Amino acid sequence: MKLLRGFLWLLGFQLLGHAMVELLALPVSHAMGGLLLLLAWLMVRGRLNENVATASQALIPLLAMLIMPGVVGVFFVIDEFAGHWTAVVVALTAGTFLSVLTTLWLMLRFMPKASADLPEQNS
């Protein structure tokens, strides 16, 4: 039941994001609007909802499949990129670098530190 409730939470935030983007004419995708609302809700709440965590864990193995439609869609508009390859390469390179840097920062911030109090293990 937690999984179903978590998916409903995620779907609710996506629908709220869709409504917010349409009503305010924001220049972001509807899904991104939902993710930003979810992030704001989690920051205000200060902790993760157990149902959302359960649903999120179930989606992680499917991540490549969730990204695939956007990647495939690029092939239908590839002609529109003609003459803009420098910008595309710079955007992809900078985006990848910032993504890796952000992941590293989050990992260092939230992973438990190695304790100096632990006894050394000899093999």
C-alpha atoms as a PDB file:
ATOM      1  CA  MET A   1       0.000   0.000   0.000  1.00  0.00           C
ATOM      2  CA  LYS A   2       2.953   2.313   0.658  1.00  0.00           C
ATOM      3  CA  LEU A   3       4.017   1.969  -2.965  1.00  0.00           C
ATOM      4  CA  LEU A   4       0.592   2.976  -4.269  1.00  0.00           C
ATOM      5  CA  ARG A   5       0.359   5.935  -1.895  1.00  0.00           C
ATOM      6  CA  GLY A   6       3.870   7.024  -2.916  1.00  0.00           C
ATOM      7  CA  PHE A   7       2.983   6.895  -6.604  1.00  0.00           C
ATOM      8  CA  LEU A   8      -0.141   8.935  -5.882  1.00  0.00           C
ATOM      9  CA  TRP A   9       1.986  11.547  -4.081  1.00  0.00           C
ATOM     10  CA  LEU A  10       4.374  11.715  -7.045  1.00  0.00           C
ATOM     11  CA  LEU A  11       1.509  11.892  -9.522  1.00  0.00           C
ATOM     12  CA  GLY A  12      -0.141  14.619  -7.462  1.00  0.00           C
ATOM     13  CA  PHE A  13       3.007  16.735  -7.531  1.00  0.00           C
ATOM     14  CA  GLN A  14       3.343  16.193 -11.271  1.00  0.00           C
ATOM     15  CA  LEU A  15      -0.250  17.352 -11.788  1.00  0.00           C
ATOM     16  CA  LEU A  16       0.329  20.361  -9.523  1.00  0.00           C
ATOM     17  CA  GLY A  17       3.470  21.161 -11.513  1.00  0.00           C
ATOM     18  CA  HIS A  18       1.513  20.901 -14.750  1.00  0.00           C
ATOM     19  CA  ALA A  19      -1.129  23.292 -13.440  1.00  0.00           C
ATOM     20  CA  MET A  20       1.479  25.723 -12.061  1.00  0.00           C
ATOM     21  CA  VAL A  21       3.459  25.818 -15.323  1.00  0.00           C
ATOM     22  CA  GLU A  22       0.315  26.330 -17.410  1.00  0.00           C
ATOM     23  CA  LEU A  23      -1.240  28.983 -15.139  1.00  0.00           C
ATOM     24  CA  LEU A  24       1.966  30.976 -14.658  1.00  0.00           C
ATOM     25  CA  ALA A  25       3.322  30.353 -18.192  1.00  0.00           C
ATOM     26  CA  LEU A  26       6.678  29.281 -16.751  1.00  0.00           C
ATOM     27  CA  PRO A  27       9.473  28.326 -19.170  1.00  0.00           C
ATOM     28  CA  VAL A  28      10.032  24.846 -17.650  1.00  0.00           C
ATOM     29  CA  SER A  29       8.548  21.442 -18.397  1.00  0.00           C
ATOM     30  CA  HIS A  30       5.525  20.302 -16.467  1.00  0.00           C
ATOM     31  CA  ALA A  31       7.451  17.443 -14.872  1.00  0.00           C
ATOM     32  CA  MET A  32      10.184  19.851 -13.755  1.00  0.00           C
ATOM     33  CA  GLY A  33       7.544  22.089 -12.195  1.00  0.00           C
ATOM     34  CA  GLY A  34       6.249  19.080 -10.263  1.00  0.00           C
ATOM     35  CA  LEU A  35       9.754  18.132  -9.150  1.00  0.00           C
ATOM     36  CA  LEU A  36      10.400  21.680  -7.946  1.00  0.00           C
ATOM     37  CA  LEU A  37       7.161  21.641  -5.968  1.00  0.00           C
ATOM     38  CA  LEU A  38       8.101  18.251  -4.491  1.00  0.00           C
ATOM     39  CA  LEU A  39      11.538  19.593  -3.562  1.00  0.00           C
ATOM     40  CA  ALA A  40       9.994  22.649  -1.886  1.00  0.00           C
ATOM     41  CA  TRP A  41       7.542  20.427   0.020  1.00  0.00           C
ATOM     42  CA  LEU A  42      10.333  18.149   1.203  1.00  0.00           C
ATOM     43  CA  MET A  43      12.491  21.116   2.263  1.00  0.00           C
ATOM     44  CA  VAL A  44       9.628  22.689   4.231  1.00  0.00           C
ATOM     45  CA  ARG A  45       8.733  19.351   5.811  1.00  0.00           C
ATOM     46  CA  GLY A  46      12.346  18.607   6.694  1.00  0.00           C
ATOM     47  CA  ARG A  47      12.091  14.861   6.185  1.00  0.00           C
ATOM     48  CA  LEU A  48      11.202  12.354   3.510  1.00  0.00           C
ATOM     49  CA  ASN A  49       7.728  10.869   3.331  1.00  0.00           C
ATOM     50  CA  GLU A  50       8.053   7.073   3.714  1.00  0.00           C
ATOM     51  CA  ASN A  51       5.522   6.434   0.928  1.00  0.00           C
ATOM     52  CA  VAL A  52       7.393   8.678  -1.511  1.00  0.00           C
ATOM     53  CA  ALA A  53      10.664   6.963  -0.576  1.00  0.00           C
ATOM     54  CA  THR A  54       9.164   3.531  -1.282  1.00  0.00           C
ATOM     55  CA  ALA A  55       7.820   4.627  -4.678  1.00  0.00           C
ATOM     56  CA  SER A  56      11.087   6.372  -5.549  1.00  0.00           C
ATOM     57  CA  GLN A  57      13.123   3.256  -4.746  1.00  0.00           C
ATOM     58  CA  ALA A  58      10.857   1.257  -7.055  1.00  0.00           C
ATOM     59  CA  LEU A  59      11.460   3.747  -9.899  1.00  0.00           C
ATOM     60  CA  ILE A  60      15.269   3.799  -9.702  1.00  0.00           C
ATOM     61  CA  PRO A  61      15.771   0.535 -11.675  1.00  0.00           C
ATOM     62  CA  LEU A  62      13.443   1.935 -14.353  1.00  0.00           C
ATOM     63  CA  LEU A  63      15.287   5.251 -14.669  1.00  0.00           C
ATOM     64  CA  ALA A  64      16.839   4.482 -18.058  1.00  0.00           C
ATOM     65  CA  MET A  65      13.427   3.556 -19.437  1.00  0.00           C
ATOM     66  CA  LEU A  66      11.898   6.766 -18.060  1.00  0.00           C
ATOM     67  CA  ILE A  67      14.560   8.873 -19.783  1.00  0.00           C
ATOM     68  CA  MET A  68      14.373   7.004 -23.083  1.00  0.00           C
ATOM     69  CA  PRO A  69      11.310   8.787 -24.622  1.00  0.00           C
ATOM     70  CA  GLY A  70      13.060  12.156 -24.381  1.00  0.00           C
ATOM     71  CA  VAL A  71      16.226  10.769 -25.924  1.00  0.00           C
ATOM     72  CA  VAL A  72      14.295   9.128 -28.759  1.00  0.00           C
ATOM     73  CA  GLY A  73      12.359  12.353 -29.327  1.00  0.00           C
ATOM     74  CA  VAL A  74      15.603  14.172 -30.135  1.00  0.00           C
ATOM     75  CA  PHE A  75      15.935  12.094 -33.302  1.00  0.00           C
ATOM     76  CA  PHE A  76      12.710  13.589 -34.653  1.00  0.00           C
ATOM     77  CA  VAL A  77      14.013  17.165 -34.296  1.00  0.00           C
ATOM     78  CA  ILE A  78      17.673  16.529 -35.133  1.00  0.00           C
ATOM     79  CA  ASP A  79      17.480  18.835 -38.168  1.00  0.00           C
ATOM     80  CA  GLU A  80      16.709  21.784 -35.902  1.00  0.00           C
ATOM     81  CA  PHE A  81      20.129  21.376 -34.250  1.00  0.00           C
ATOM     82  CA  ALA A  82      21.991  22.048 -37.510  1.00  0.00           C
ATOM     83  CA  GLY A  83      24.319  24.984 -36.947  1.00  0.00           C
ATOM     84  CA  HIS A  84      23.953  24.812 -33.165  1.00  0.00           C
ATOM     85  CA  TRP A  85      26.260  21.890 -32.416  1.00  0.00           C
ATOM     86  CA  THR A  86      28.738  24.015 -30.502  1.00  0.00           C
ATOM     87  CA  ALA A  87      26.008  25.172 -28.113  1.00  0.00           C
ATOM     88  CA  VAL A  88      24.674  21.615 -27.771  1.00  0.00           C
ATOM     89  CA  VAL A  89      28.134  20.192 -26.974  1.00  0.00           C
ATOM     90  CA  VAL A  90      28.874  22.986 -24.468  1.00  0.00           C
ATOM     91  CA  ALA A  91      25.471  22.501 -22.802  1.00  0.00           C
ATOM     92  CA  LEU A  92      25.917  18.725 -22.567  1.00  0.00           C
ATOM     93  CA  THR A  93      29.464  19.035 -21.249  1.00  0.00           C
ATOM     94  CA  ALA A  94      28.608  21.719 -18.690  1.00  0.00           C
ATOM     95  CA  GLY A  95      25.415  19.897 -17.650  1.00  0.00           C
ATOM     96  CA  THR A  96      27.256  16.625 -17.151  1.00  0.00           C
ATOM     97  CA  PHE A  97      30.034  18.316 -15.178  1.00  0.00           C
ATOM     98  CA  LEU A  98      27.558  20.174 -12.943  1.00  0.00           C
ATOM     99  CA  SER A  99      25.532  16.996 -12.426  1.00  0.00           C
ATOM    100  CA  VAL A 100      28.595  15.030 -11.326  1.00  0.00           C
ATOM    101  CA  LEU A 101      29.768  17.902  -9.122  1.00  0.00           C
ATOM    102  CA  THR A 102      26.345  18.188  -7.471  1.00  0.00           C
ATOM    103  CA  THR A 103      26.198  14.432  -6.886  1.00  0.00           C
ATOM    104  CA  LEU A 104      29.652  14.496  -5.307  1.00  0.00           C
ATOM    105  CA  TRP A 105      28.719  17.421  -3.065  1.00  0.00           C
ATOM    106  CA  LEU A 106      25.503  15.702  -1.939  1.00  0.00           C
ATOM    107  CA  MET A 107      27.338  12.438  -1.317  1.00  0.00           C
ATOM    108  CA  LEU A 108      29.997  14.164   0.796  1.00  0.00           C
ATOM    109  CA  ARG A 109      27.356  16.102   2.690  1.00  0.00           C
ATOM    110  CA  PHE A 110      24.962  13.284   3.500  1.00  0.00           C
ATOM    111  CA  MET A 111      27.108  10.125   3.651  1.00  0.00           C
ATOM    112  CA  PRO A 112      28.225   9.241   7.166  1.00  0.00           C
ATOM    113  CA  LYS A 113      31.817  10.117   7.899  1.00  0.00           C
ATOM    114  CA  ALA A 114      34.311   7.345   8.603  1.00  0.00           C
ATOM    115  CA  SER A 115      34.826   7.198  12.331  1.00  0.00           C
ATOM    116  CA  ALA A 116      38.350   7.363  13.756  1.00  0.00           C
ATOM    117  CA  ASP A 117      37.071   5.473  16.817  1.00  0.00           C
ATOM    118  CA  LEU A 118      36.692   2.189  14.954  1.00  0.00           C
ATOM    119  CA  PRO A 119      39.438  -0.337  15.679  1.00  0.00           C
ATOM    120  CA  GLU A 120      41.627  -1.313  12.760  1.00  0.00           C
ATOM    121  CA  GLN A 121      41.093  -4.792  11.398  1.00  0.00           C
ATOM    122  CA  ASN A 122      44.168  -6.837  10.588  1.00  0.00           C
ATOM    123  CA  SER A 123      43.889  -9.511   7.925  1.00  0.00           C
END
